[in-house]
Amino acid sequence: SGKVMAADVVKLRSAKTVQGQEISIDTRDGVKVDGANVVKTDIECTNGVIHVIDSVILPK
């Protein structure tokens, strides 16, 4: 749906980006998305939710 909140992320192993790319989620030792640490969560926008990470994820 475009909205994956932090509480939902911890239950997932992967998620789809707005561009349709599948990204991995790791919840051991904090939350990582494709290897990037999640540093801020649940910034709601009109077209979805932003979670801030500490590195760039490039399309595959």
C-alpha atoms as a PDB file:
ATOM      1  CA  SER A   1       0.000   0.000   0.000  1.00  0.00           C
ATOM      2  CA  GLY A   2       3.000   2.327   0.292  1.00  0.00           C
ATOM      3  CA  LYS A   3       2.746   2.704   4.057  1.00  0.00           C
ATOM      4  CA  VAL A   4       4.919   0.415   6.154  1.00  0.00           C
ATOM      5  CA  MET A   5       5.220   1.746   9.705  1.00  0.00           C
ATOM      6  CA  ALA A   6       8.123   0.875  12.039  1.00  0.00           C
ATOM      7  CA  ALA A   7       5.912  -1.441  14.095  1.00  0.00           C
ATOM      8  CA  ASP A   8       5.146  -3.386  10.887  1.00  0.00           C
ATOM      9  CA  VAL A   9       8.761  -3.463   9.681  1.00  0.00           C
ATOM     10  CA  VAL A  10       9.971  -5.572  12.609  1.00  0.00           C
ATOM     11  CA  LYS A  11       7.584  -8.333  11.497  1.00  0.00           C
ATOM     12  CA  LEU A  12       8.882  -8.383   7.910  1.00  0.00           C
ATOM     13  CA  ARG A  13      11.887  -9.952   6.160  1.00  0.00           C
ATOM     14  CA  SER A  14      11.517  -7.765   3.050  1.00  0.00           C
ATOM     15  CA  ALA A  15       9.459  -4.889   1.642  1.00  0.00           C
ATOM     16  CA  LYS A  16       8.812  -3.260  -1.715  1.00  0.00           C
ATOM     17  CA  THR A  17      10.031   0.281  -2.409  1.00  0.00           C
ATOM     18  CA  VAL A  18       7.924   2.917  -4.176  1.00  0.00           C
ATOM     19  CA  GLN A  19       9.851   2.017  -7.355  1.00  0.00           C
ATOM     20  CA  GLY A  20       8.923  -1.646  -6.948  1.00  0.00           C
ATOM     21  CA  GLN A  21      12.325  -2.938  -5.827  1.00  0.00           C
ATOM     22  CA  GLU A  22      12.394  -5.638  -3.134  1.00  0.00           C
ATOM     23  CA  ILE A  23      14.643  -4.709  -0.178  1.00  0.00           C
ATOM     24  CA  SER A  24      15.761  -6.959   2.683  1.00  0.00           C
ATOM     25  CA  ILE A  25      14.970  -6.194   6.331  1.00  0.00           C
ATOM     26  CA  ASP A  26      17.117  -7.449   9.219  1.00  0.00           C
ATOM     27  CA  THR A  27      15.923  -6.854  12.797  1.00  0.00           C
ATOM     28  CA  ARG A  28      18.881  -8.376  14.642  1.00  0.00           C
ATOM     29  CA  ASP A  29      20.899  -5.684  16.481  1.00  0.00           C
ATOM     30  CA  GLY A  30      18.543  -2.855  15.521  1.00  0.00           C
ATOM     31  CA  VAL A  31      16.836  -2.535  12.147  1.00  0.00           C
ATOM     32  CA  LYS A  32      18.737  -2.674   8.859  1.00  0.00           C
ATOM     33  CA  VAL A  33      17.349  -2.260   5.349  1.00  0.00           C
ATOM     34  CA  ASP A  34      19.604  -3.705   2.639  1.00  0.00           C
ATOM     35  CA  GLY A  35      22.470  -3.353   5.155  1.00  0.00           C
ATOM     36  CA  ALA A  36      21.747   0.310   6.018  1.00  0.00           C
ATOM     37  CA  ASN A  37      20.892   1.192   9.631  1.00  0.00           C
ATOM     38  CA  VAL A  38      17.467   2.765  10.193  1.00  0.00           C
ATOM     39  CA  VAL A  39      18.073   5.940  12.243  1.00  0.00           C
ATOM     40  CA  LYS A  40      14.619   7.629  12.212  1.00  0.00           C
ATOM     41  CA  THR A  41      11.196   6.126  11.551  1.00  0.00           C
ATOM     42  CA  ASP A  42       7.588   6.900  10.702  1.00  0.00           C
ATOM     43  CA  ILE A  43       7.842  10.245   8.894  1.00  0.00           C
ATOM     44  CA  GLU A  44       4.393  10.271   7.283  1.00  0.00           C
ATOM     45  CA  CYS A  45       3.976  11.798   3.816  1.00  0.00           C
ATOM     46  CA  THR A  46       1.075  12.029   1.394  1.00  0.00           C
ATOM     47  CA  ASN A  47       2.366   9.113  -0.705  1.00  0.00           C
ATOM     48  CA  GLY A  48       3.775   6.847   2.019  1.00  0.00           C
ATOM     49  CA  VAL A  49       6.141   6.767   4.986  1.00  0.00           C
ATOM     50  CA  ILE A  50       9.822   7.721   5.158  1.00  0.00           C
ATOM     51  CA  HIS A  51      12.333   5.859   7.318  1.00  0.00           C
ATOM     52  CA  VAL A  52      15.765   7.541   7.422  1.00  0.00           C
ATOM     53  CA  ILE A  53      18.808   5.298   6.874  1.00  0.00           C
ATOM     54  CA  ASP A  54      22.524   5.978   7.304  1.00  0.00           C
ATOM     55  CA  SER A  55      23.656   5.066   3.781  1.00  0.00           C
ATOM     56  CA  VAL A  56      22.466   5.153   0.186  1.00  0.00           C
ATOM     57  CA  ILE A  57      20.571   2.208  -1.290  1.00  0.00           C
ATOM     58  CA  LEU A  58      21.018   1.984  -5.045  1.00  0.00           C
ATOM     59  CA  PRO A  59      18.585   0.204  -7.372  1.00  0.00           C
ATOM     60  CA  LYS A  60      19.740  -3.261  -8.421  1.00  0.00           C
END
